[in-house]
Amino acid sequence: MFKQKSLFYKMVVSIILFLVPVVIVYTYSNMVSERVVRDEIDTRNINRLDVSMNRLEADLWQVSQFLVALSIDSDTNRLRNIDLLSPYDSIELQQDIQEKLLLYQQLSTFLVDVTIFFPDGERQLSTMMKSPERPETLSPSWTYIADGEGNDSDRPYFVQHVKDSITHHNENQAVIVEARIYIEAVQHHLNDLALANDGYSFLYHPHHELIKPVGTNHEFPLDYNFSLQLDDEERGTERFTLGQDDYTLSYISSTSLDWVLVDLVPLEDVLSPIATTRTWFYATGFVLLLLGVAAAWLLNTQLLQPIGTLKDAILQFKRGHYYTRMAVPDQKEFAIAMSGFNDMADQIQTLIEEVYEEKIRSQQATLKLLQAQIDPHFLYNCLFYIKNMAKINNTDAVEAMALHLGDYFRYRTEVEKEETTVEEELKLVNNFLAIHSLRKRDLSYSMNLPEDLLKQPIPRLLIQPIVENAIVHGIADVEERAEIRIHGKLLEEGWQICVDDNGHTVSTDSLARIQKLLESQEEAMNHYGLRNVHQRMRHRFGANSGLVVGFSELGGLNVTLLYKLDKAYQNGE
């Protein structure tokens, strides 16, 4: 079925089949590249989170170690007995501890406030401008205190308490050291991570609001209700779609804060070069497809269609439509070919018309020659009869012969008419038989044809030679009464007229010899009248028509003039 399609269809399908594997291979390669990039992003983000978390844990550990060191410091231990010191020593002790607190605050990487609560529960030393209240519950690890939860600070913070080990069994007499790391310090840390990672980092806890970075120009959907499904591992990667944007989310848990450090990176920013390349590739492929189809269409219109037009014209010309001509296109190449075809068609049509006209003239000359061959033979017989009748002074016979012969020649001299009707031809045959009945008194004849057949057109002198042959070769030697019967009928696609005589019985070999003689192109000594009629019918009606000889019901020969419609011959093919 594909072979029967046009070349334009085949070219378009070939172009598509060529592009499809390329698109499939590129799409697969693009998917692999994108997957590798995603995996590389995950690995890189996890590594950076790990480094950032280690730094955060180190800073927190440093603060915790300072608290421990401060809790076992000798000056801190003296605070338990501060009431036993003199006012000067007490003030000097407090100033020394205060200087240590301020010095650490300045050296710390975090924004941190440190407070030491005295055992009496009423006094404290603090880096804060407003002294905090003694905590009712101690936080041995870092605990998040949200804003508005009844604390004495106007901002959220992480807090940790350490008390001296000497009074570990009695908290009311213990010196408590408190450190507060404010959320701004963590946010600055998150800002540094976001800037280094070109993403957005935050701390996540399922029971608190997100701790978001500040001071960056990134705009990410942090209003999204994150709900990380943390597995047994402390780190991992998730991907999700928010709106029309894809994000990759890497996280790592903090052992000190009990929070999760999350890094959110929009994949659009990272994968945009790959997406741009993919878009350009598909756009280029589509343009190439359009250009291929356009090239196929151009080839079809500029080459295939003119070739098809030329092919159709040649086939039409081959079928005999010699009037076929083609419109000359603008293309120089095909204009020369099609113009040459038109000139060739004109010349061939002219030659064919000339040959056809010459063939017609040749047929007309042949018909006239055949008619001329018939006339002398008939005239000789008639004149011979008149001579004999004149010798015996049979004027009635001479008169009858002259009248019938005059009617015959009056019909015969109308040479401008090449055709007549069966009815007119039978009038001539009637005169001819009347002449012979004068010569042969025991001759009887009959003519029985339907009315529709009498109106059929036929060439002149077509039936008379058959009747003459029956007289000369059929009943000439019959001793009893001679009989000639003429009858016919219409056929489905033609007609037939039969001439029967009661002459001598004809053998099968004789019939075959006579039929062969009819088809022969050589001149014959006998039955040349039959042969002439047969050739004339072939010239006039085609190969399906002619004479057919057979056995007559009267005992002699049956000669049938058979006409069958030959459509190919009628169309001149």
Protein backbone atom coordinates (compact mmCIF):
# COMPACT_ATOMS: atom_id res chain seq x y z
CA MET A 1 0.00 0.00 0.00
CA PHE A 2 2.92 2.34 0.78
CA LYS A 3 4.26 1.83 -2.76
CA GLN A 4 1.02 3.17 -4.19
CA LYS A 5 1.32 6.46 -2.29
CA SER A 6 2.59 9.60 -3.98
CA LEU A 7 6.24 10.61 -3.76
CA PHE A 8 5.23 13.68 -1.73
CA TYR A 9 3.61 11.42 0.87
CA LYS A 10 6.66 9.15 0.91
CA MET A 11 9.04 12.08 1.36
CA VAL A 12 7.04 13.54 4.26
CA VAL A 13 6.86 10.13 5.96
CA SER A 14 10.61 9.65 5.41
CA ILE A 15 11.39 13.03 6.95
CA ILE A 16 9.22 12.22 9.96
CA LEU A 17 10.81 8.78 10.33
CA PHE A 18 14.23 10.44 10.16
CA LEU A 19 13.38 13.03 12.82
CA VAL A 20 11.56 10.68 15.21
CA PRO A 21 14.68 8.63 16.22
CA VAL A 22 16.66 11.86 16.63
CA VAL A 23 13.96 13.32 18.88
CA ILE A 24 13.69 10.09 20.86
CA VAL A 25 17.46 9.86 21.38
CA TYR A 26 17.72 13.52 22.29
CA THR A 27 14.75 13.29 24.67
CA TYR A 28 16.30 10.30 26.39
CA SER A 29 19.67 12.05 26.56
CA ASN A 30 17.99 15.16 27.94
CA MET A 31 16.18 13.12 30.59
CA VAL A 32 19.44 11.43 31.61
CA SER A 33 21.25 14.78 31.75
CA GLU A 34 18.47 16.31 33.79
CA ARG A 35 18.48 13.36 36.17
CA VAL A 36 22.25 13.62 36.57
CA VAL A 37 21.97 17.34 37.24
CA ARG A 38 19.22 16.74 39.80
CA ASP A 39 21.32 14.10 41.53
CA GLU A 40 24.31 16.43 41.48
CA ILE A 41 22.18 19.21 42.96
CA ASP A 42 21.00 16.87 45.72
CA THR A 43 24.54 15.76 46.51
CA ARG A 44 25.88 19.30 46.47
CA ASN A 45 23.07 20.63 48.64
CA ILE A 46 23.45 17.84 51.17
CA ASN A 47 27.20 18.49 51.35
CA ARG A 48 26.72 22.21 51.84
CA LEU A 49 24.03 21.62 54.42
CA ASP A 50 26.38 19.26 56.19
CA VAL A 51 29.14 21.88 56.24
CA SER A 52 26.76 24.58 57.38
CA MET A 53 25.25 22.35 60.05
CA ASN A 54 28.72 21.41 61.32
CA ARG A 55 29.58 25.06 61.61
CA LEU A 56 26.31 25.78 63.40
CA GLU A 57 26.84 22.84 65.73
CA ALA A 58 30.41 23.99 66.40
CA ASP A 59 29.25 27.48 67.31
CA LEU A 60 26.53 26.07 69.57
CA TRP A 61 29.01 23.70 71.16
CA GLN A 62 31.36 26.63 71.79
CA VAL A 63 28.59 28.52 73.61
CA SER A 64 27.71 25.42 75.60
CA GLN A 65 31.35 24.93 76.56
CA PHE A 66 31.60 28.53 77.65
CA LEU A 67 28.58 28.02 79.89
CA VAL A 68 30.17 24.94 81.43
CA ALA A 69 33.46 26.74 81.89
CA LEU A 70 31.68 29.68 83.41
CA SER A 71 29.73 27.42 85.77
CA ILE A 72 32.93 25.94 87.20
CA ASP A 73 34.85 29.20 87.23
CA SER A 74 36.19 30.15 90.65
CA ASP A 75 34.64 33.58 90.53
CA THR A 76 31.26 32.04 89.73
CA ASN A 77 31.62 29.67 92.71
CA ARG A 78 32.36 32.65 95.00
CA LEU A 79 28.92 34.00 94.15
CA ARG A 80 27.40 31.33 96.41
CA ASN A 81 29.06 33.09 99.33
CA ILE A 82 28.79 36.64 98.08
CA ASP A 83 26.94 37.64 101.21
CA LEU A 84 30.05 36.79 103.28
CA LEU A 85 32.21 39.15 101.26
CA SER A 86 32.77 42.76 102.03
CA PRO A 87 30.85 45.26 99.91
CA TYR A 88 34.03 46.17 98.06
CA ASP A 89 34.97 42.57 97.32
CA SER A 90 31.40 41.84 96.30
CA ILE A 91 31.34 44.71 93.85
CA GLU A 92 34.80 43.82 92.51
CA LEU A 93 33.74 40.18 92.04
CA GLN A 94 30.63 41.16 90.15
CA GLN A 95 32.60 43.53 87.89
CA ASP A 96 35.11 40.82 87.04
CA ILE A 97 32.35 38.39 86.11
CA GLN A 98 30.53 41.09 84.14
CA GLU A 99 33.68 41.83 82.14
CA LYS A 100 34.05 38.14 81.33
CA LEU A 101 30.46 38.02 80.10
CA LEU A 102 30.82 41.09 77.92
CA LEU A 103 34.15 39.91 76.55
CA TYR A 104 32.66 36.58 75.51
CA GLN A 105 29.64 38.31 74.01
CA GLN A 106 31.95 40.33 71.81
CA LEU A 107 34.07 37.35 70.82
CA SER A 108 31.13 34.99 70.13
CA THR A 109 30.11 34.32 66.54
CA PHE A 110 26.48 34.38 67.66
CA LEU A 111 24.36 37.20 68.93
CA VAL A 112 24.23 35.82 72.47
CA ASP A 113 23.28 37.11 75.90
CA VAL A 114 24.67 35.40 79.01
CA THR A 115 23.10 35.70 82.45
CA ILE A 116 24.28 34.34 85.85
CA PHE A 117 21.59 33.92 88.46
CA PHE A 118 22.69 34.15 92.11
CA PRO A 119 21.65 31.43 94.55
CA ASP A 120 19.37 33.83 96.43
CA GLY A 121 17.13 34.03 93.37
CA GLU A 122 16.94 37.80 93.45
CA ARG A 123 20.20 38.98 91.94
CA GLN A 124 21.86 38.22 88.58
CA LEU A 125 24.59 39.38 86.29
CA SER A 126 23.62 39.71 82.60
CA THR A 127 24.70 41.18 79.29
CA MET A 128 21.10 42.14 78.74
CA MET A 129 19.97 45.71 79.34
CA LYS A 130 16.94 44.43 81.22
CA SER A 131 17.75 41.75 83.72
CA PRO A 132 15.72 38.59 83.17
CA GLU A 133 13.86 36.66 85.81
CA ARG A 134 15.24 33.49 87.30
CA PRO A 135 13.89 30.55 85.27
CA GLU A 136 11.52 28.21 86.98
CA THR A 137 12.48 25.32 84.70
CA LEU A 138 15.99 24.75 83.51
CA SER A 139 16.83 23.78 79.91
CA PRO A 140 19.91 21.57 79.94
CA SER A 141 19.86 21.57 76.08
CA TRP A 142 19.01 24.26 73.62
CA THR A 143 15.32 25.04 73.79
CA TYR A 144 13.40 27.35 71.47
CA ILE A 145 11.37 30.10 73.13
CA ALA A 146 8.91 31.63 70.73
CA ASP A 147 7.86 35.24 70.84
CA GLY A 148 4.82 35.89 73.01
CA GLU A 149 5.17 32.80 75.19
CA GLY A 150 5.42 34.80 78.46
CA ASN A 151 9.21 35.24 78.35
CA ASP A 152 10.96 38.49 79.21
CA SER A 153 12.32 39.08 75.70
CA ASP A 154 10.71 40.80 72.73
CA ARG A 155 12.07 38.33 70.21
CA PRO A 156 12.37 34.53 69.92
CA TYR A 157 15.56 32.84 71.04
CA PHE A 158 17.21 29.57 71.93
CA VAL A 159 18.10 29.13 75.61
CA GLN A 160 20.33 26.74 77.59
CA HIS A 161 21.03 26.56 81.35
CA VAL A 162 24.02 25.23 83.21
CA LYS A 163 24.38 25.16 87.01
CA ASP A 164 27.45 24.57 89.12
CA SER A 165 28.15 20.95 89.88
CA ILE A 166 28.74 21.51 93.62
CA THR A 167 25.11 22.28 94.37
CA HIS A 168 23.76 19.95 91.78
CA HIS A 169 21.49 18.32 94.36
CA ASN A 170 19.90 21.62 95.44
CA GLU A 171 18.79 23.95 92.67
CA ASN A 172 17.68 26.68 95.10
CA GLN A 173 21.29 27.17 96.25
CA ALA A 174 22.88 26.69 92.82
CA VAL A 175 24.42 29.30 90.59
CA ILE A 176 22.62 29.08 87.22
CA VAL A 177 24.27 30.21 84.00
CA GLU A 178 21.92 31.00 81.10
CA ALA A 179 22.76 31.68 77.46
CA ARG A 180 20.33 33.07 74.95
CA ILE A 181 21.02 32.84 71.23
CA TYR A 182 18.61 35.09 69.39
CA ILE A 183 16.92 34.12 66.18
CA GLU A 184 18.71 36.92 64.27
CA ALA A 185 22.01 35.07 64.73
CA VAL A 186 20.51 31.92 63.19
CA GLN A 187 18.93 33.98 60.39
CA HIS A 188 22.28 35.50 59.49
CA HIS A 189 23.71 32.02 59.37
CA LEU A 190 20.86 30.99 57.04
CA ASN A 191 21.56 34.02 54.85
CA ASP A 192 25.16 32.96 54.40
CA LEU A 193 24.03 29.46 53.41
CA ALA A 194 21.46 30.79 50.94
CA LEU A 195 23.97 33.12 49.31
CA ALA A 196 26.52 30.33 48.96
CA ASN A 197 23.93 27.90 47.57
CA ASP A 198 21.85 30.24 45.42
CA GLY A 199 18.80 28.91 47.21
CA TYR A 200 16.75 29.58 50.27
CA SER A 201 17.54 28.05 53.66
CA PHE A 202 15.44 27.90 56.80
CA LEU A 203 15.02 25.95 60.02
CA TYR A 204 12.01 23.73 60.35
CA HIS A 205 10.25 22.37 63.44
CA PRO A 206 6.86 20.70 63.26
CA HIS A 207 5.55 22.66 66.30
CA HIS A 208 6.92 26.09 65.54
CA GLU A 209 6.95 28.58 62.74
CA LEU A 210 9.76 28.45 60.26
CA ILE A 211 12.89 30.39 61.05
CA LYS A 212 13.42 32.24 57.80
CA PRO A 213 16.43 34.17 56.58
CA VAL A 214 16.33 37.93 56.26
CA GLY A 215 18.19 40.41 54.15
CA THR A 216 18.10 38.42 50.88
CA ASN A 217 16.42 39.27 47.60
CA HIS A 218 15.11 35.76 47.01
CA GLU A 219 11.37 35.31 46.89
CA PHE A 220 10.28 31.76 47.60
CA PRO A 221 6.91 30.37 48.65
CA LEU A 222 7.68 29.95 52.35
CA ASP A 223 4.00 30.39 53.10
CA TYR A 224 3.68 26.83 51.90
CA ASN A 225 2.79 24.51 54.76
CA PHE A 226 5.89 22.33 54.85
CA SER A 227 5.46 18.96 56.46
CA LEU A 228 8.65 16.98 56.14
CA GLN A 229 8.33 13.27 56.49
CA LEU A 230 11.63 12.63 58.28
CA ASP A 231 12.77 9.06 58.15
CA ASP A 232 15.18 7.31 60.43
CA GLU A 233 18.05 9.06 58.74
CA GLU A 234 18.92 12.60 59.73
CA ARG A 235 19.27 13.86 56.20
CA GLY A 236 17.54 13.47 52.87
CA THR A 237 16.08 15.07 49.76
CA GLU A 238 12.55 15.66 48.59
CA ARG A 239 11.03 17.16 45.48
CA PHE A 240 7.67 18.81 45.13
CA THR A 241 5.74 21.06 42.82
CA LEU A 242 4.18 24.26 44.02
CA GLY A 243 2.03 25.99 41.46
CA GLN A 244 3.89 25.57 38.18
CA ASP A 245 7.37 25.52 39.71
CA ASP A 246 9.44 22.50 40.72
CA TYR A 247 11.61 22.58 43.83
CA THR A 248 14.21 20.32 45.35
CA LEU A 249 14.37 20.32 49.14
CA SER A 250 17.39 19.03 51.06
CA TYR A 251 17.41 18.73 54.84
CA ILE A 252 19.66 17.71 57.71
CA SER A 253 18.74 17.41 61.39
CA SER A 254 20.49 19.36 64.16
CA THR A 255 21.36 17.27 67.22
CA SER A 256 21.81 20.37 69.35
CA LEU A 257 18.71 22.38 68.44
CA ASP A 258 16.27 19.52 67.61
CA TRP A 259 15.41 21.47 64.47
CA VAL A 260 15.91 20.60 60.82
CA LEU A 261 18.04 22.74 58.54
CA VAL A 262 16.33 22.89 55.14
CA ASP A 263 17.66 24.20 51.85
CA LEU A 264 15.10 24.97 49.15
CA VAL A 265 16.33 25.38 45.57
CA PRO A 266 14.02 26.11 42.60
CA LEU A 267 14.90 23.70 39.83
CA GLU A 268 13.81 26.21 37.22
CA ASP A 269 16.85 28.36 37.94
CA VAL A 270 19.24 25.42 37.86
CA LEU A 271 17.68 23.52 34.95
CA SER A 272 16.81 26.57 32.87
CA PRO A 273 19.84 26.15 30.54
CA ILE A 274 18.82 22.54 29.88
CA ALA A 275 15.19 23.58 29.38
CA THR A 276 16.27 26.38 27.05
CA THR A 277 18.44 23.97 25.05
CA ARG A 278 15.56 21.49 24.91
CA THR A 279 13.16 24.18 23.75
CA TRP A 280 15.57 25.33 21.05
CA PHE A 281 16.10 21.75 19.92
CA TYR A 282 12.38 21.03 19.61
CA ALA A 283 11.80 24.37 17.92
CA THR A 284 14.65 23.64 15.51
CA GLY A 285 13.29 20.14 14.87
CA PHE A 286 9.84 21.56 14.18
CA VAL A 287 11.30 24.17 11.84
CA LEU A 288 13.31 21.43 10.08
CA LEU A 289 10.13 19.39 9.73
CA LEU A 290 8.31 22.37 8.23
CA LEU A 291 11.24 23.05 5.91
CA GLY A 292 11.30 19.37 4.90
CA VAL A 293 7.57 19.38 4.17
CA ALA A 294 7.98 22.66 2.28
CA ALA A 295 10.84 21.17 0.28
CA ALA A 296 8.76 18.05 -0.46
CA TRP A 297 5.82 20.24 -1.48
CA LEU A 298 8.09 22.36 -3.68
CA LEU A 299 9.54 19.22 -5.26
CA ASN A 300 6.03 17.87 -5.75
CA THR A 301 4.67 21.03 -7.38
CA GLN A 302 7.76 21.95 -9.38
CA LEU A 303 8.83 18.46 -10.48
CA LEU A 304 6.38 15.65 -9.74
CA GLN A 305 3.20 17.39 -10.88
CA PRO A 306 4.67 18.45 -14.24
CA ILE A 307 6.02 14.93 -14.71
CA GLY A 308 2.58 13.55 -13.80
CA THR A 309 0.94 15.95 -16.26
CA LEU A 310 3.39 14.88 -18.96
CA LYS A 311 2.76 11.20 -18.15
CA ASP A 312 -1.04 11.63 -18.29
CA ALA A 313 -0.77 13.46 -21.60
CA ILE A 314 1.35 10.65 -23.06
CA LEU A 315 -1.16 8.02 -21.85
CA GLN A 316 -4.06 10.02 -23.33
CA PHE A 317 -2.15 10.32 -26.59
CA LYS A 318 -1.47 6.58 -26.51
CA ARG A 319 -5.21 5.88 -26.16
CA GLY A 320 -5.85 7.79 -29.39
CA HIS A 321 -6.79 11.20 -27.99
CA TYR A 322 -4.57 13.05 -30.44
CA TYR A 323 -6.13 16.40 -29.53
CA THR A 324 -4.43 16.24 -26.10
CA ARG A 325 -2.34 19.34 -25.35
CA MET A 326 -0.63 20.62 -22.21
CA ALA A 327 -0.50 24.09 -20.69
CA VAL A 328 3.12 25.27 -20.81
CA PRO A 329 4.34 26.10 -17.25
CA ASP A 330 6.75 28.85 -16.23
CA GLN A 331 9.60 26.48 -15.39
CA LYS A 332 12.14 26.64 -18.16
CA GLU A 333 12.97 22.94 -18.02
CA PHE A 334 9.41 21.65 -18.33
CA ALA A 335 8.35 24.49 -20.60
CA ILE A 336 10.76 23.15 -23.25
CA ALA A 337 9.56 19.54 -22.76
CA MET A 338 5.83 20.34 -22.77
CA SER A 339 6.11 22.80 -25.64
CA GLY A 340 8.00 20.13 -27.57
CA PHE A 341 5.25 17.61 -26.73
CA ASN A 342 2.58 19.96 -28.04
CA ASP A 343 4.53 20.53 -31.25
CA MET A 344 5.06 16.79 -31.63
CA ALA A 345 1.35 16.15 -30.98
CA ASP A 346 0.41 18.71 -33.63
CA GLN A 347 2.69 17.05 -36.18
CA ILE A 348 1.51 13.52 -35.30
CA GLN A 349 -2.14 14.56 -35.45
CA THR A 350 -1.55 16.19 -38.82
CA LEU A 351 0.18 13.06 -40.11
CA ILE A 352 -2.56 10.81 -38.73
CA GLU A 353 -5.26 12.92 -40.33
CA GLU A 354 -3.41 12.85 -43.61
CA VAL A 355 -2.92 9.08 -43.40
CA TYR A 356 -6.58 8.65 -42.44
CA GLU A 357 -7.76 10.75 -45.33
CA GLU A 358 -5.45 8.84 -47.66
CA LYS A 359 -6.86 5.59 -46.27
CA ILE A 360 -10.39 6.79 -46.96
CA ARG A 361 -9.45 7.79 -50.49
CA SER A 362 -7.78 4.40 -50.96
CA GLN A 363 -10.89 2.58 -49.70
CA GLN A 364 -13.11 4.64 -52.00
CA ALA A 365 -10.85 3.88 -54.94
CA THR A 366 -10.86 0.19 -53.99
CA LEU A 367 -14.67 0.16 -53.79
CA LYS A 368 -14.97 1.83 -57.15
CA LEU A 369 -12.49 -0.64 -58.60
CA LEU A 370 -14.47 -3.57 -57.19
CA GLN A 371 -17.66 -2.15 -58.61
CA ALA A 372 -15.93 -1.70 -61.95
CA GLN A 373 -14.82 -5.33 -61.83
CA ILE A 374 -18.42 -6.44 -61.36
CA ASP A 375 -20.03 -4.38 -64.17
CA PRO A 376 -18.27 -5.82 -67.25
CA HIS A 377 -19.12 -9.39 -66.27
CA PHE A 378 -22.79 -8.57 -65.81
CA LEU A 379 -22.99 -6.44 -68.95
CA TYR A 380 -21.41 -9.21 -71.00
CA ASN A 381 -24.12 -11.68 -69.92
CA CYS A 382 -26.91 -9.21 -70.71
CA LEU A 383 -25.60 -8.27 -74.12
CA PHE A 384 -25.09 -11.90 -74.94
CA TYR A 385 -28.76 -12.58 -74.09
CA ILE A 386 -30.00 -9.62 -76.21
CA LYS A 387 -27.95 -10.85 -79.13
CA ASN A 388 -29.45 -14.29 -78.89
CA MET A 389 -33.03 -12.93 -78.60
CA ALA A 390 -32.47 -10.65 -81.52
CA LYS A 391 -31.40 -13.57 -83.68
CA ILE A 392 -34.69 -15.30 -83.12
CA ASN A 393 -36.66 -12.04 -83.45
CA ASN A 394 -38.05 -12.27 -79.90
CA THR A 395 -38.76 -8.56 -79.62
CA ASP A 396 -40.72 -8.92 -76.35
CA ALA A 397 -37.74 -10.50 -74.65
CA VAL A 398 -35.42 -7.89 -76.14
CA GLU A 399 -37.79 -5.13 -74.96
CA ALA A 400 -38.10 -6.60 -71.47
CA MET A 401 -34.38 -7.10 -71.29
CA ALA A 402 -33.74 -3.55 -72.44
CA LEU A 403 -36.18 -2.11 -69.88
CA HIS A 404 -34.69 -4.06 -67.00
CA LEU A 405 -31.20 -3.33 -68.22
CA GLY A 406 -32.05 0.38 -68.46
CA ASP A 407 -33.33 0.45 -64.86
CA TYR A 408 -30.19 -1.32 -63.78
CA PHE A 409 -27.86 1.14 -65.51
CA ARG A 410 -29.90 4.09 -64.29
CA TYR A 411 -29.27 2.81 -60.75
CA ARG A 412 -25.68 2.00 -61.57
CA THR A 413 -24.80 5.38 -63.04
CA GLU A 414 -25.64 7.20 -59.77
CA VAL A 415 -21.98 7.01 -58.79
CA GLU A 416 -22.16 10.06 -56.51
CA LYS A 417 -24.15 7.95 -54.06
CA GLU A 418 -21.88 5.48 -52.32
CA GLU A 419 -24.61 4.07 -50.10
CA THR A 420 -28.17 3.00 -50.54
CA THR A 421 -30.73 1.06 -48.55
CA VAL A 422 -31.53 -2.62 -48.54
CA GLU A 423 -34.87 -1.80 -50.16
CA GLU A 424 -33.25 0.05 -53.12
CA GLU A 425 -30.66 -2.69 -53.50
CA LEU A 426 -33.43 -5.31 -53.67
CA LYS A 427 -35.10 -3.35 -56.50
CA LEU A 428 -31.86 -3.72 -58.45
CA VAL A 429 -31.76 -7.43 -57.56
CA ASN A 430 -35.34 -7.79 -58.73
CA ASN A 431 -34.43 -6.28 -62.14
CA PHE A 432 -31.40 -8.55 -62.27
CA LEU A 433 -33.44 -11.69 -61.52
CA ALA A 434 -36.15 -10.62 -63.97
CA ILE A 435 -33.49 -10.39 -66.69
CA HIS A 436 -32.24 -13.90 -65.84
CA SER A 437 -35.74 -15.30 -65.64
CA LEU A 438 -36.16 -14.16 -69.26
CA ARG A 439 -33.13 -16.22 -70.17
CA LYS A 440 -34.05 -19.16 -67.96
CA ARG A 441 -37.79 -19.73 -67.94
CA ASP A 442 -37.67 -22.31 -65.16
CA LEU A 443 -36.12 -19.83 -62.66
CA SER A 444 -38.17 -18.77 -59.64
CA TYR A 445 -37.13 -16.39 -56.90
CA SER A 446 -38.55 -14.86 -53.70
CA MET A 447 -37.53 -12.01 -51.33
CA ASN A 448 -38.71 -11.96 -47.72
CA LEU A 449 -37.15 -9.36 -45.42
CA PRO A 450 -38.65 -7.47 -42.45
CA GLU A 451 -39.59 -3.82 -42.87
CA ASP A 452 -36.97 -2.58 -40.40
CA LEU A 453 -34.22 -4.39 -42.27
CA LEU A 454 -35.30 -2.77 -45.58
CA LYS A 455 -34.44 0.63 -44.12
CA GLN A 456 -30.87 -0.33 -43.19
CA PRO A 457 -28.10 1.55 -45.09
CA ILE A 458 -25.64 -0.58 -47.07
CA PRO A 459 -23.01 0.03 -49.83
CA ARG A 460 -24.29 -0.06 -53.38
CA LEU A 461 -24.09 -3.32 -55.38
CA LEU A 462 -23.69 -5.49 -52.29
CA ILE A 463 -26.48 -8.10 -52.77
CA GLN A 464 -26.55 -8.30 -56.57
CA PRO A 465 -23.11 -10.01 -56.93
CA ILE A 466 -24.22 -12.72 -54.46
CA VAL A 467 -27.34 -13.38 -56.52
CA GLU A 468 -25.27 -13.37 -59.69
CA ASN A 469 -22.89 -15.93 -58.18
CA ALA A 470 -25.84 -18.16 -57.28
CA ILE A 471 -27.05 -18.00 -60.89
CA VAL A 472 -23.66 -18.58 -62.52
CA HIS A 473 -22.18 -21.18 -60.15
CA GLY A 474 -25.25 -22.55 -58.44
CA ILE A 475 -28.26 -23.10 -60.64
CA ALA A 476 -26.64 -22.81 -64.10
CA ASP A 477 -26.54 -26.57 -64.58
CA VAL A 478 -29.77 -27.41 -62.74
CA GLU A 479 -32.04 -29.38 -65.06
CA GLU A 480 -35.17 -29.03 -62.97
CA ARG A 481 -36.73 -25.80 -61.84
CA ALA A 482 -34.14 -23.45 -60.36
CA GLU A 483 -34.92 -21.47 -57.21
CA ILE A 484 -33.31 -18.53 -55.43
CA ARG A 485 -34.54 -17.37 -52.07
CA ILE A 486 -33.53 -14.09 -50.40
CA HIS A 487 -34.40 -13.61 -46.72
CA GLY A 488 -32.94 -11.84 -43.67
CA LYS A 489 -33.45 -10.64 -40.12
CA LEU A 490 -32.23 -8.08 -37.59
CA LEU A 491 -29.70 -9.20 -34.97
CA GLU A 492 -29.00 -7.81 -31.50
CA GLU A 493 -26.04 -5.79 -32.80
CA GLY A 494 -26.48 -5.91 -36.59
CA TRP A 495 -28.31 -7.80 -39.30
CA GLN A 496 -27.95 -10.65 -41.79
CA ILE A 497 -29.19 -11.21 -45.38
CA CYS A 498 -29.10 -14.76 -46.78
CA VAL A 499 -29.12 -15.86 -50.41
CA ASP A 500 -30.01 -19.56 -50.91
CA ASP A 501 -30.11 -21.59 -54.11
CA ASN A 502 -31.03 -25.15 -54.99
CA GLY A 503 -27.95 -25.83 -57.01
CA HIS A 504 -25.69 -28.87 -56.71
CA THR A 505 -24.81 -30.02 -53.21
CA VAL A 506 -21.57 -28.47 -51.98
CA SER A 507 -19.06 -30.57 -50.10
CA THR A 508 -17.46 -29.58 -46.84
CA ASP A 509 -14.06 -29.21 -48.52
CA SER A 510 -15.60 -26.91 -51.12
CA LEU A 511 -17.12 -24.73 -48.40
CA ALA A 512 -13.73 -24.47 -46.65
CA ARG A 513 -12.05 -23.62 -49.95
CA ILE A 514 -14.61 -20.91 -50.73
CA GLN A 515 -14.30 -19.38 -47.22
CA LYS A 516 -10.51 -19.39 -47.54
CA LEU A 517 -10.84 -17.72 -50.94
CA LEU A 518 -12.91 -14.94 -49.39
CA GLU A 519 -10.10 -14.12 -46.95
CA SER A 520 -7.34 -14.29 -49.55
CA GLN A 521 -5.80 -11.10 -50.94
CA GLU A 522 -4.85 -12.75 -54.23
CA GLU A 523 -6.93 -12.53 -57.36
CA ALA A 524 -9.21 -15.54 -57.92
CA MET A 525 -10.41 -17.09 -61.13
CA ASN A 526 -13.75 -18.20 -59.65
CA HIS A 527 -16.12 -16.64 -57.12
CA TYR A 528 -14.34 -13.31 -57.39
CA GLY A 529 -17.80 -11.67 -56.99
CA LEU A 530 -18.16 -13.18 -53.53
CA ARG A 531 -14.60 -12.17 -52.63
CA ASN A 532 -15.17 -8.57 -53.74
CA VAL A 533 -18.33 -8.25 -51.64
CA HIS A 534 -16.57 -9.80 -48.66
CA GLN A 535 -13.64 -7.36 -48.93
CA ARG A 536 -16.00 -4.40 -49.36
CA MET A 537 -17.92 -5.33 -46.23
CA ARG A 538 -14.67 -5.66 -44.31
CA HIS A 539 -13.59 -2.21 -45.51
CA ARG A 540 -16.95 -0.69 -44.74
CA PHE A 541 -18.04 -2.36 -41.47
CA GLY A 542 -14.94 -3.88 -39.93
CA ALA A 543 -13.46 -7.33 -39.29
CA ASN A 544 -16.61 -8.66 -37.59
CA SER A 545 -18.59 -8.33 -40.81
CA GLY A 546 -18.37 -10.12 -44.17
CA LEU A 547 -19.65 -13.19 -46.01
CA VAL A 548 -20.27 -16.57 -44.44
CA VAL A 549 -20.89 -19.60 -46.67
CA GLY A 550 -22.78 -22.71 -45.64
CA PHE A 551 -25.25 -25.39 -46.70
CA SER A 552 -28.59 -24.19 -47.96
CA GLU A 553 -31.93 -25.66 -46.93
CA LEU A 554 -32.76 -25.76 -50.66
CA GLY A 555 -29.88 -28.18 -51.23
CA GLY A 556 -27.32 -25.82 -52.73
CA LEU A 557 -25.18 -23.03 -51.29
CA ASN A 558 -26.12 -20.51 -48.61
CA VAL A 559 -24.30 -17.16 -48.67
CA THR A 560 -24.98 -14.88 -45.70
CA LEU A 561 -24.13 -11.17 -45.64
CA LEU A 562 -23.41 -10.62 -41.94
CA TYR A 563 -23.07 -7.22 -40.32
CA LYS A 564 -22.00 -6.97 -36.64
CA LEU A 565 -21.28 -3.70 -34.90
CA ASP A 566 -17.51 -3.20 -34.40
CA LYS A 567 -17.14 -0.32 -31.89
CA ALA A 568 -13.36 -0.16 -32.20
CA TYR A 569 -13.64 0.06 -35.99
CA GLN A 570 -16.38 2.69 -35.77
CA ASN A 571 -14.17 4.83 -33.47
CA GLY A 572 -11.33 4.67 -35.94
CA GLU A 573 -9.01 2.71 -33.63
